[in-house]
Amino acid sequence: MAVVVGLAGLLVGGYVVAQTTWSSNPQAIQTQQQAKAQFEADKKLCADEASPEARIQCRRDAQALYDKALVNLRANGTYSTQSVACATCGTVTAVSVIEKPGESNAVGLIAGGVAGAVLGHQVGGGFGKDLATVAGAAGGAYAGKKIQENMNAKKVWRVSVKYPDGKTAKFDFANDPGFKVSDAVKNSGNTVVRQ
């Protein structure tokens, strides 16, 4: 039984109660958006009630109608409780293994500088010898830094992800995460996990 009440024509004590119409038939509602829009309109209508008790009862009735409409939509397969879009979900576009340079510290820098200075000091004589010592120290320090970085290099798995809005991101893993291209993933803190 469908009950459609035109509240514009409903008079109580000579006063028009409201200016909108609503349906108590949840089957008349076709989509979740329509159900939500109807619920919002009903809530606005409830705000016009004279007493707090009437407003509360009106909101309860509106909620009951909304719930019935959603139940009907679920039964018809029109409505799903699954989220439509996940802003932090994406698709793996690439998985690659890269060598990430290690960190260097003062040990490599100092050892290289000392070795370079010793070798540079053995070249030339006079002012040229001093210049070769300084150049050897600078070159040795740089070489020592690079050698230490290469010794501390790490193998890293880099996973590239593309999101529905077109943005991309890259995530590094110390161990093989087991992702393949086209895997569905979602953000979890500063990394990604399978959906």
N, C-alpha and C. Protein backbone atom coordinates (compact mmCIF):
# COMPACT_ATOMS: atom_id res chain seq x y z
N MET A 1 0.84 -1.17 0.00
CA MET A 1 0.00 0.00 0.00
C MET A 1 0.89 1.23 0.00
N ALA A 2 0.80 2.03 -1.02
CA ALA A 2 1.59 3.25 -1.11
C ALA A 2 0.79 4.40 -0.55
N VAL A 3 1.43 5.12 0.33
CA VAL A 3 0.78 6.28 0.92
C VAL A 3 1.60 7.50 0.55
N VAL A 4 1.04 8.33 -0.27
CA VAL A 4 1.70 9.57 -0.62
C VAL A 4 0.85 10.69 -0.05
N VAL A 5 1.47 11.45 0.78
CA VAL A 5 0.73 12.51 1.45
C VAL A 5 1.23 13.84 0.91
N GLY A 6 0.34 14.61 0.39
CA GLY A 6 0.68 15.97 -0.03
C GLY A 6 0.50 16.88 1.17
N LEU A 7 1.61 17.18 1.83
CA LEU A 7 1.51 17.96 3.06
C LEU A 7 1.12 19.40 2.81
N ALA A 8 1.22 19.83 1.58
CA ALA A 8 0.82 21.21 1.29
C ALA A 8 -0.67 21.40 1.52
N GLY A 9 -1.43 20.32 1.37
CA GLY A 9 -2.87 20.44 1.53
C GLY A 9 -3.35 20.02 2.91
N LEU A 10 -2.48 19.57 3.78
CA LEU A 10 -2.86 19.09 5.10
C LEU A 10 -2.92 20.29 6.05
N LEU A 11 -4.09 20.50 6.59
CA LEU A 11 -4.27 21.64 7.50
C LEU A 11 -4.52 21.12 8.90
N VAL A 12 -3.89 21.74 9.85
CA VAL A 12 -4.12 21.41 11.25
C VAL A 12 -4.52 22.71 11.94
N GLY A 13 -5.74 22.75 12.42
CA GLY A 13 -6.22 23.95 13.09
C GLY A 13 -6.21 25.17 12.19
N GLY A 14 -6.37 24.97 10.87
CA GLY A 14 -6.41 26.09 9.95
C GLY A 14 -5.05 26.52 9.45
N TYR A 15 -3.96 25.89 9.90
CA TYR A 15 -2.61 26.26 9.46
C TYR A 15 -2.05 25.18 8.54
N VAL A 16 -1.32 25.60 7.52
CA VAL A 16 -0.65 24.66 6.63
C VAL A 16 0.58 24.13 7.38
N VAL A 17 0.68 22.80 7.47
CA VAL A 17 1.76 22.21 8.26
C VAL A 17 3.08 22.26 7.49
N ALA A 18 3.10 21.94 6.21
CA ALA A 18 4.35 21.94 5.45
C ALA A 18 4.05 22.15 3.98
N GLN A 19 5.08 22.40 3.19
CA GLN A 19 4.90 22.70 1.78
C GLN A 19 5.51 21.65 0.86
N THR A 20 5.84 20.47 1.37
CA THR A 20 6.47 19.45 0.53
C THR A 20 5.63 18.18 0.53
N THR A 21 5.96 17.28 -0.39
CA THR A 21 5.31 15.98 -0.43
C THR A 21 6.35 14.92 -0.17
N TRP A 22 5.93 13.79 0.34
CA TRP A 22 6.84 12.68 0.57
C TRP A 22 6.09 11.38 0.39
N SER A 23 6.85 10.33 0.22
CA SER A 23 6.25 9.02 0.01
C SER A 23 6.66 8.11 1.14
N SER A 24 5.70 7.37 1.68
CA SER A 24 6.05 6.38 2.69
C SER A 24 6.25 5.03 2.05
N ASN A 25 6.27 4.99 0.72
CA ASN A 25 6.48 3.75 0.00
C ASN A 25 7.95 3.66 -0.40
N PRO A 26 8.76 2.85 0.31
CA PRO A 26 10.17 2.76 -0.02
C PRO A 26 10.42 2.18 -1.40
N GLN A 27 9.46 1.40 -1.96
CA GLN A 27 9.66 0.83 -3.28
C GLN A 27 9.58 1.87 -4.38
N ALA A 28 9.05 3.06 -4.07
CA ALA A 28 8.97 4.12 -5.07
C ALA A 28 10.34 4.75 -5.31
N ILE A 29 11.27 4.50 -4.43
CA ILE A 29 12.61 5.10 -4.55
C ILE A 29 13.49 4.16 -5.36
N GLN A 30 14.17 4.70 -6.39
CA GLN A 30 14.91 3.88 -7.35
C GLN A 30 16.39 3.70 -7.00
N THR A 31 17.02 4.71 -6.41
CA THR A 31 18.46 4.64 -6.17
C THR A 31 18.79 5.10 -4.75
N GLN A 32 20.02 4.81 -4.36
CA GLN A 32 20.49 5.23 -3.05
C GLN A 32 20.53 6.75 -2.97
N GLN A 33 20.91 7.42 -4.06
CA GLN A 33 20.97 8.87 -4.05
C GLN A 33 19.58 9.46 -3.84
N GLN A 34 18.58 8.88 -4.48
CA GLN A 34 17.22 9.36 -4.29
C GLN A 34 16.78 9.13 -2.85
N ALA A 35 17.14 7.98 -2.28
CA ALA A 35 16.77 7.68 -0.89
C ALA A 35 17.42 8.69 0.04
N LYS A 36 18.68 8.99 -0.20
CA LYS A 36 19.40 9.95 0.65
C LYS A 36 18.80 11.34 0.49
N ALA A 37 18.49 11.73 -0.74
CA ALA A 37 17.89 13.05 -0.98
C ALA A 37 16.53 13.16 -0.29
N GLN A 38 15.74 12.09 -0.37
CA GLN A 38 14.43 12.09 0.28
C GLN A 38 14.59 12.19 1.80
N PHE A 39 15.57 11.47 2.34
CA PHE A 39 15.83 11.49 3.78
C PHE A 39 16.23 12.90 4.23
N GLU A 40 17.09 13.55 3.46
CA GLU A 40 17.52 14.92 3.80
C GLU A 40 16.33 15.89 3.73
N ALA A 41 15.46 15.71 2.72
CA ALA A 41 14.27 16.57 2.62
C ALA A 41 13.34 16.34 3.80
N ASP A 42 13.21 15.06 4.19
CA ASP A 42 12.35 14.75 5.34
C ASP A 42 12.90 15.35 6.63
N LYS A 43 14.23 15.35 6.78
CA LYS A 43 14.82 15.94 7.99
C LYS A 43 14.57 17.44 8.04
N LYS A 44 14.64 18.09 6.89
CA LYS A 44 14.34 19.53 6.85
C LYS A 44 12.88 19.78 7.22
N LEU A 45 12.02 18.90 6.74
CA LEU A 45 10.61 18.99 7.05
C LEU A 45 10.39 18.85 8.56
N CYS A 46 11.13 17.96 9.17
CA CYS A 46 11.00 17.72 10.61
C CYS A 46 11.40 18.95 11.42
N ALA A 47 12.30 19.74 10.90
CA ALA A 47 12.73 20.94 11.63
C ALA A 47 11.59 21.94 11.78
N ASP A 48 10.59 21.82 10.93
CA ASP A 48 9.45 22.75 10.98
C ASP A 48 8.40 22.34 12.01
N GLU A 49 8.56 21.18 12.62
CA GLU A 49 7.59 20.72 13.62
C GLU A 49 7.61 21.67 14.82
N ALA A 50 6.44 21.85 15.44
CA ALA A 50 6.28 22.83 16.52
C ALA A 50 6.94 22.39 17.82
N SER A 51 6.81 21.14 18.20
CA SER A 51 7.32 20.71 19.51
C SER A 51 8.55 19.82 19.34
N PRO A 52 9.40 19.77 20.35
CA PRO A 52 10.57 18.89 20.28
C PRO A 52 10.18 17.43 20.13
N GLU A 53 9.12 17.01 20.79
CA GLU A 53 8.69 15.62 20.69
C GLU A 53 8.26 15.29 19.27
N ALA A 54 7.55 16.22 18.63
CA ALA A 54 7.12 16.00 17.25
C ALA A 54 8.32 15.96 16.31
N ARG A 55 9.34 16.82 16.55
CA ARG A 55 10.55 16.80 15.72
C ARG A 55 11.27 15.46 15.85
N ILE A 56 11.38 14.96 17.08
CA ILE A 56 12.06 13.68 17.31
C ILE A 56 11.30 12.55 16.62
N GLN A 57 9.99 12.53 16.78
CA GLN A 57 9.19 11.48 16.15
C GLN A 57 9.27 11.57 14.63
N CYS A 58 9.27 12.77 14.11
CA CYS A 58 9.36 12.97 12.66
C CYS A 58 10.70 12.43 12.14
N ARG A 59 11.80 12.71 12.87
CA ARG A 59 13.12 12.22 12.46
C ARG A 59 13.17 10.69 12.53
N ARG A 60 12.54 10.12 13.55
CA ARG A 60 12.49 8.65 13.65
C ARG A 60 11.74 8.07 12.46
N ASP A 61 10.62 8.69 12.11
CA ASP A 61 9.84 8.21 10.97
C ASP A 61 10.65 8.34 9.67
N ALA A 62 11.34 9.47 9.52
CA ALA A 62 12.15 9.68 8.32
C ALA A 62 13.27 8.65 8.24
N GLN A 63 13.89 8.36 9.38
CA GLN A 63 14.96 7.35 9.41
C GLN A 63 14.41 5.98 9.06
N ALA A 64 13.22 5.66 9.58
CA ALA A 64 12.61 4.36 9.29
C ALA A 64 12.31 4.23 7.80
N LEU A 65 11.81 5.29 7.18
CA LEU A 65 11.54 5.25 5.74
C LEU A 65 12.83 5.09 4.94
N TYR A 66 13.86 5.79 5.37
CA TYR A 66 15.16 5.69 4.70
C TYR A 66 15.70 4.27 4.80
N ASP A 67 15.64 3.70 6.01
CA ASP A 67 16.11 2.33 6.21
C ASP A 67 15.32 1.34 5.36
N LYS A 68 14.00 1.52 5.28
CA LYS A 68 13.17 0.63 4.46
C LYS A 68 13.55 0.74 2.98
N ALA A 69 13.81 1.97 2.54
CA ALA A 69 14.20 2.18 1.14
C ALA A 69 15.52 1.47 0.85
N LEU A 70 16.48 1.55 1.77
CA LEU A 70 17.76 0.89 1.55
C LEU A 70 17.61 -0.63 1.56
N VAL A 71 16.78 -1.15 2.44
CA VAL A 71 16.53 -2.59 2.48
C VAL A 71 15.93 -3.03 1.15
N ASN A 72 14.99 -2.27 0.63
CA ASN A 72 14.38 -2.61 -0.65
C ASN A 72 15.41 -2.54 -1.78
N LEU A 73 16.27 -1.54 -1.77
CA LEU A 73 17.29 -1.43 -2.80
C LEU A 73 18.26 -2.61 -2.73
N ARG A 74 18.63 -3.02 -1.52
CA ARG A 74 19.52 -4.18 -1.36
C ARG A 74 18.84 -5.44 -1.90
N ALA A 75 17.57 -5.60 -1.60
CA ALA A 75 16.83 -6.79 -2.04
C ALA A 75 16.76 -6.85 -3.57
N ASN A 76 16.68 -5.70 -4.21
CA ASN A 76 16.60 -5.65 -5.67
C ASN A 76 17.97 -5.64 -6.32
N GLY A 77 19.03 -5.62 -5.50
CA GLY A 77 20.38 -5.58 -6.06
C GLY A 77 20.77 -4.21 -6.57
N THR A 78 20.02 -3.17 -6.22
CA THR A 78 20.30 -1.83 -6.69
C THR A 78 21.29 -1.12 -5.80
N TYR A 79 21.36 -1.53 -4.56
CA TYR A 79 22.19 -0.85 -3.58
C TYR A 79 23.16 -1.84 -2.97
N SER A 80 24.37 -1.41 -2.79
CA SER A 80 25.38 -2.27 -2.18
C SER A 80 26.03 -1.52 -1.03
N THR A 81 26.38 -2.25 0.01
CA THR A 81 27.07 -1.61 1.13
C THR A 81 28.55 -1.46 0.86
N GLN A 82 29.05 -2.00 -0.27
CA GLN A 82 30.44 -1.83 -0.61
C GLN A 82 30.68 -0.37 -0.99
N SER A 83 31.85 0.14 -0.65
CA SER A 83 32.16 1.52 -1.01
C SER A 83 32.37 1.59 -2.52
N VAL A 84 31.93 2.67 -3.11
CA VAL A 84 31.99 2.83 -4.54
C VAL A 84 33.41 3.12 -4.99
N ALA A 85 34.10 3.99 -4.29
CA ALA A 85 35.44 4.36 -4.68
C ALA A 85 36.32 4.43 -3.44
N CYS A 86 37.54 4.00 -3.61
CA CYS A 86 38.52 4.04 -2.53
C CYS A 86 39.59 5.02 -2.94
N ALA A 87 39.68 6.13 -2.26
CA ALA A 87 40.63 7.18 -2.63
C ALA A 87 42.07 6.74 -2.45
N THR A 88 42.33 5.79 -1.55
CA THR A 88 43.70 5.36 -1.29
C THR A 88 43.99 4.00 -1.91
N CYS A 89 43.14 3.56 -2.83
CA CYS A 89 43.36 2.28 -3.50
C CYS A 89 43.95 2.54 -4.88
N GLY A 90 44.77 1.61 -5.34
CA GLY A 90 45.38 1.78 -6.65
C GLY A 90 45.76 0.44 -7.25
N THR A 91 46.49 0.51 -8.35
CA THR A 91 46.92 -0.67 -9.07
C THR A 91 48.43 -0.61 -9.25
N VAL A 92 49.10 -1.74 -9.03
CA VAL A 92 50.54 -1.81 -9.21
C VAL A 92 50.85 -1.71 -10.70
N THR A 93 51.71 -0.77 -11.09
CA THR A 93 52.08 -0.60 -12.49
C THR A 93 53.47 -1.12 -12.79
N ALA A 94 54.32 -1.24 -11.76
CA ALA A 94 55.67 -1.77 -11.97
C ALA A 94 56.27 -2.22 -10.65
N VAL A 95 57.09 -3.27 -10.75
CA VAL A 95 57.87 -3.74 -9.60
C VAL A 95 59.29 -3.93 -10.11
N SER A 96 60.24 -3.24 -9.49
CA SER A 96 61.62 -3.36 -9.93
C SER A 96 62.55 -3.48 -8.73
N VAL A 97 63.70 -4.11 -8.97
CA VAL A 97 64.72 -4.25 -7.94
C VAL A 97 65.82 -3.26 -8.29
N ILE A 98 66.15 -2.40 -7.35
CA ILE A 98 67.18 -1.40 -7.58
C ILE A 98 68.23 -1.48 -6.48
N GLU A 99 69.39 -0.95 -6.78
CA GLU A 99 70.45 -0.83 -5.78
C GLU A 99 70.36 0.59 -5.22
N LYS A 100 70.08 0.69 -3.97
CA LYS A 100 70.00 1.99 -3.33
C LYS A 100 71.35 2.27 -2.67
N PRO A 101 71.96 3.42 -3.00
CA PRO A 101 73.27 3.71 -2.42
C PRO A 101 73.20 3.71 -0.90
N GLY A 102 74.24 3.12 -0.31
CA GLY A 102 74.30 3.09 1.14
C GLY A 102 74.71 4.44 1.68
N GLU A 103 74.73 4.55 2.96
CA GLU A 103 75.12 5.80 3.59
C GLU A 103 76.61 5.76 3.89
N SER A 104 77.21 6.91 3.82
CA SER A 104 78.62 7.00 4.17
C SER A 104 78.74 7.78 5.47
N ASN A 105 79.85 7.58 6.14
CA ASN A 105 80.10 8.34 7.35
C ASN A 105 81.53 8.89 7.30
N ALA A 106 81.99 9.44 8.35
CA ALA A 106 83.29 10.09 8.38
C ALA A 106 84.45 9.12 8.17
N VAL A 107 84.27 7.85 8.48
CA VAL A 107 85.36 6.88 8.35
C VAL A 107 85.84 6.79 6.90
N GLY A 108 84.92 6.61 5.97
CA GLY A 108 85.30 6.52 4.56
C GLY A 108 85.91 7.81 4.06
N LEU A 109 85.34 8.91 4.47
CA LEU A 109 85.83 10.23 4.06
C LEU A 109 87.25 10.47 4.57
N ILE A 110 87.49 10.19 5.84
CA ILE A 110 88.81 10.44 6.44
C ILE A 110 89.83 9.46 5.89
N ALA A 111 89.48 8.19 5.82
CA ALA A 111 90.43 7.19 5.31
C ALA A 111 90.82 7.51 3.87
N GLY A 112 89.85 7.86 3.05
CA GLY A 112 90.15 8.22 1.66
C GLY A 112 90.99 9.47 1.57
N GLY A 113 90.68 10.45 2.42
CA GLY A 113 91.46 11.70 2.42
C GLY A 113 92.90 11.47 2.81
N VAL A 114 93.12 10.65 3.84
CA VAL A 114 94.49 10.37 4.29
C VAL A 114 95.26 9.63 3.20
N ALA A 115 94.63 8.60 2.60
CA ALA A 115 95.29 7.83 1.55
C ALA A 115 95.61 8.72 0.36
N GLY A 116 94.67 9.59 -0.02
CA GLY A 116 94.90 10.50 -1.14
C GLY A 116 96.01 11.50 -0.83
N ALA A 117 96.06 11.99 0.39
CA ALA A 117 97.11 12.95 0.77
C ALA A 117 98.48 12.28 0.73
N VAL A 118 98.58 11.05 1.21
CA VAL A 118 99.86 10.32 1.20
C VAL A 118 100.33 10.12 -0.23
N LEU A 119 99.41 9.68 -1.10
CA LEU A 119 99.80 9.47 -2.51
C LEU A 119 100.13 10.79 -3.19
N GLY A 120 99.36 11.83 -2.92
CA GLY A 120 99.62 13.14 -3.53
C GLY A 120 100.93 13.73 -3.05
N HIS A 121 101.35 13.45 -1.84
CA HIS A 121 102.58 13.99 -1.26
C HIS A 121 103.81 13.40 -1.94
N GLN A 122 103.65 12.25 -2.57
CA GLN A 122 104.78 11.59 -3.22
C GLN A 122 105.02 12.11 -4.63
N VAL A 123 104.19 13.04 -5.08
CA VAL A 123 104.31 13.56 -6.45
C VAL A 123 104.91 14.96 -6.39
N GLY A 124 105.81 15.25 -7.29
CA GLY A 124 106.35 16.59 -7.47
C GLY A 124 107.27 17.02 -6.33
N GLY A 125 107.56 18.35 -6.33
CA GLY A 125 108.42 18.92 -5.32
C GLY A 125 108.06 20.36 -5.08
N GLY A 126 108.38 20.92 -3.92
CA GLY A 126 108.12 22.30 -3.57
C GLY A 126 106.64 22.58 -3.46
N PHE A 127 106.25 23.73 -4.11
CA PHE A 127 104.84 24.13 -4.06
C PHE A 127 103.95 23.12 -4.77
N GLY A 128 104.46 22.49 -5.82
CA GLY A 128 103.72 21.46 -6.56
C GLY A 128 103.40 20.26 -5.68
N LYS A 129 104.33 19.96 -4.78
CA LYS A 129 104.12 18.83 -3.87
C LYS A 129 102.98 19.15 -2.90
N ASP A 130 102.93 20.40 -2.39
CA ASP A 130 101.86 20.82 -1.48
C ASP A 130 100.51 20.80 -2.20
N LEU A 131 100.52 21.28 -3.45
CA LEU A 131 99.30 21.30 -4.24
C LEU A 131 98.83 19.87 -4.52
N ALA A 132 99.74 18.96 -4.84
CA ALA A 132 99.39 17.57 -5.10
C ALA A 132 98.87 16.90 -3.84
N THR A 133 99.40 17.26 -2.68
CA THR A 133 98.94 16.69 -1.41
C THR A 133 97.49 17.10 -1.15
N VAL A 134 97.17 18.38 -1.34
CA VAL A 134 95.80 18.88 -1.12
C VAL A 134 94.85 18.24 -2.13
N ALA A 135 95.25 18.20 -3.39
CA ALA A 135 94.40 17.59 -4.43
C ALA A 135 94.20 16.10 -4.15
N GLY A 136 95.26 15.42 -3.71
CA GLY A 136 95.16 14.00 -3.39
C GLY A 136 94.23 13.76 -2.21
N ALA A 137 94.28 14.64 -1.20
CA ALA A 137 93.40 14.52 -0.03
C ALA A 137 91.94 14.71 -0.45
N ALA A 138 91.66 15.71 -1.28
CA ALA A 138 90.29 15.96 -1.72
C ALA A 138 89.78 14.81 -2.58
N GLY A 139 90.58 14.37 -3.53
CA GLY A 139 90.18 13.26 -4.40
C GLY A 139 90.03 11.97 -3.61
N GLY A 140 90.92 11.74 -2.67
CA GLY A 140 90.85 10.55 -1.84
C GLY A 140 89.62 10.55 -0.94
N ALA A 141 89.28 11.72 -0.39
CA ALA A 141 88.09 11.82 0.47
C ALA A 141 86.83 11.50 -0.34
N TYR A 142 86.75 12.04 -1.57
CA TYR A 142 85.60 11.77 -2.42
C TYR A 142 85.54 10.29 -2.78
N ALA A 143 86.68 9.72 -3.15
CA ALA A 143 86.73 8.30 -3.51
C ALA A 143 86.36 7.42 -2.31
N GLY A 144 86.86 7.78 -1.13
CA GLY A 144 86.55 7.02 0.08
C GLY A 144 85.06 7.05 0.39
N LYS A 145 84.45 8.21 0.19
CA LYS A 145 83.00 8.34 0.43
C LYS A 145 82.22 7.44 -0.53
N LYS A 146 82.59 7.47 -1.81
CA LYS A 146 81.88 6.67 -2.81
C LYS A 146 82.09 5.17 -2.59
N ILE A 147 83.31 4.79 -2.21
CA ILE A 147 83.58 3.37 -1.95
C ILE A 147 82.73 2.88 -0.79
N GLN A 148 82.64 3.70 0.27
CA GLN A 148 81.84 3.30 1.43
C GLN A 148 80.36 3.21 1.06
N GLU A 149 79.84 4.15 0.25
CA GLU A 149 78.45 4.09 -0.20
C GLU A 149 78.18 2.80 -0.98
N ASN A 150 79.12 2.42 -1.85
CA ASN A 150 78.95 1.19 -2.64
C ASN A 150 79.02 -0.05 -1.76
N MET A 151 79.85 -0.01 -0.74
CA MET A 151 79.96 -1.16 0.16
C MET A 151 78.67 -1.32 0.99
N ASN A 152 78.01 -0.22 1.29
CA ASN A 152 76.79 -0.25 2.11
C ASN A 152 75.52 -0.23 1.27
N ALA A 153 75.65 -0.41 -0.05
CA ALA A 153 74.48 -0.38 -0.93
C ALA A 153 73.52 -1.51 -0.56
N LYS A 154 72.23 -1.23 -0.75
CA LYS A 154 71.19 -2.21 -0.41
C LYS A 154 70.32 -2.49 -1.63
N LYS A 155 69.85 -3.73 -1.71
CA LYS A 155 68.90 -4.11 -2.74
C LYS A 155 67.51 -3.72 -2.23
N VAL A 156 66.75 -3.00 -3.05
CA VAL A 156 65.43 -2.49 -2.66
C VAL A 156 64.43 -2.83 -3.75
N TRP A 157 63.24 -3.28 -3.33
CA TRP A 157 62.15 -3.52 -4.27
C TRP A 157 61.30 -2.26 -4.33
N ARG A 158 61.19 -1.67 -5.52
CA ARG A 158 60.41 -0.44 -5.70
C ARG A 158 59.12 -0.79 -6.42
N VAL A 159 57.99 -0.46 -5.77
CA VAL A 159 56.66 -0.75 -6.31
C VAL A 159 56.02 0.58 -6.73
N SER A 160 55.67 0.67 -8.01
CA SER A 160 54.98 1.86 -8.53
C SER A 160 53.49 1.59 -8.55
N VAL A 161 52.71 2.57 -8.05
CA VAL A 161 51.26 2.42 -7.95
C VAL A 161 50.59 3.60 -8.64
N LYS A 162 49.52 3.30 -9.39
CA LYS A 162 48.72 4.35 -10.03
C LYS A 162 47.34 4.33 -9.39
N TYR A 163 46.84 5.53 -9.03
CA TYR A 163 45.54 5.67 -8.37
C TYR A 163 44.47 6.08 -9.39
N PRO A 164 43.20 5.87 -9.06
CA PRO A 164 42.12 6.19 -10.01
C PRO A 164 42.10 7.66 -10.45
N ASP A 165 42.60 8.57 -9.60
CA ASP A 165 42.60 9.99 -9.97
C ASP A 165 43.78 10.35 -10.87
N GLY A 166 44.60 9.35 -11.24
CA GLY A 166 45.72 9.59 -12.14
C GLY A 166 47.05 9.80 -11.44
N LYS A 167 47.06 10.01 -10.16
CA LYS A 167 48.30 10.22 -9.42
C LYS A 167 49.07 8.90 -9.33
N THR A 168 50.38 9.02 -9.18
CA THR A 168 51.22 7.84 -9.02
C THR A 168 52.10 8.01 -7.79
N ALA A 169 52.57 6.90 -7.26
CA ALA A 169 53.47 6.92 -6.11
C ALA A 169 54.38 5.71 -6.19
N LYS A 170 55.54 5.83 -5.53
CA LYS A 170 56.50 4.73 -5.48
C LYS A 170 56.77 4.40 -4.03
N PHE A 171 56.84 3.09 -3.75
CA PHE A 171 57.07 2.61 -2.40
C PHE A 171 58.25 1.65 -2.42
N ASP A 172 59.18 1.81 -1.47
CA ASP A 172 60.35 0.95 -1.39
C ASP A 172 60.18 -0.08 -0.27
N PHE A 173 60.62 -1.31 -0.55
CA PHE A 173 60.56 -2.40 0.41
C PHE A 173 61.94 -3.03 0.55
N ALA A 174 62.34 -3.35 1.78
CA ALA A 174 63.63 -3.98 2.03
C ALA A 174 63.63 -5.43 1.56
N ASN A 175 62.47 -6.09 1.59
CA ASN A 175 62.33 -7.48 1.14
C ASN A 175 61.29 -7.53 0.02
N ASP A 176 61.31 -8.61 -0.74
CA ASP A 176 60.36 -8.77 -1.83
C ASP A 176 58.93 -8.78 -1.28
N PRO A 177 58.09 -7.78 -1.66
CA PRO A 177 56.73 -7.72 -1.13
C PRO A 177 55.78 -8.71 -1.80
N GLY A 178 56.19 -9.31 -2.91
CA GLY A 178 55.35 -10.29 -3.59
C GLY A 178 54.28 -9.68 -4.49
N PHE A 179 54.38 -8.39 -4.79
CA PHE A 179 53.41 -7.76 -5.68
C PHE A 179 53.76 -8.04 -7.13
N LYS A 180 52.71 -8.11 -7.97
CA LYS A 180 52.87 -8.24 -9.41
C LYS A 180 52.15 -7.06 -10.07
N VAL A 181 52.52 -6.79 -11.30
CA VAL A 181 51.84 -5.74 -12.06
C VAL A 181 50.36 -6.09 -12.13
N SER A 182 49.51 -5.13 -11.93
CA SER A 182 48.04 -5.18 -11.95
C SER A 182 47.43 -5.66 -10.63
N ASP A 183 48.25 -5.89 -9.59
CA ASP A 183 47.69 -6.21 -8.27
C ASP A 183 46.97 -5.00 -7.71
N ALA A 184 45.84 -5.25 -7.05
CA ALA A 184 45.09 -4.17 -6.39
C ALA A 184 45.68 -3.96 -5.01
N VAL A 185 46.02 -2.71 -4.69
CA VAL A 185 46.62 -2.39 -3.40
C VAL A 185 45.93 -1.17 -2.81
N LYS A 186 46.18 -0.95 -1.52
CA LYS A 186 45.67 0.26 -0.87
C LYS A 186 46.74 0.76 0.09
N ASN A 187 46.71 2.07 0.34
CA ASN A 187 47.67 2.68 1.25
C ASN A 187 47.42 2.21 2.67
N SER A 188 48.51 2.01 3.39
CA SER A 188 48.45 1.65 4.80
C SER A 188 49.63 2.34 5.46
N GLY A 189 49.39 3.51 6.02
CA GLY A 189 50.49 4.31 6.59
C GLY A 189 51.38 4.82 5.47
N ASN A 190 52.68 4.52 5.56
CA ASN A 190 53.64 4.98 4.54
C ASN A 190 53.96 3.90 3.52
N THR A 191 53.13 2.88 3.44
CA THR A 191 53.37 1.78 2.50
C THR A 191 52.05 1.35 1.87
N VAL A 192 52.08 0.28 1.10
CA VAL A 192 50.86 -0.26 0.50
C VAL A 192 50.72 -1.73 0.87
N VAL A 193 49.48 -2.20 0.92
CA VAL A 193 49.17 -3.60 1.19
C VAL A 193 48.13 -4.06 0.18
N ARG A 194 47.98 -5.37 0.05
CA ARG A 194 46.96 -5.92 -0.86
C ARG A 194 45.56 -5.52 -0.37
N GLN A 195 44.67 -5.36 -1.32
CA GLN A 195 43.27 -5.07 -0.97
C GLN A 195 42.58 -6.33 -0.54
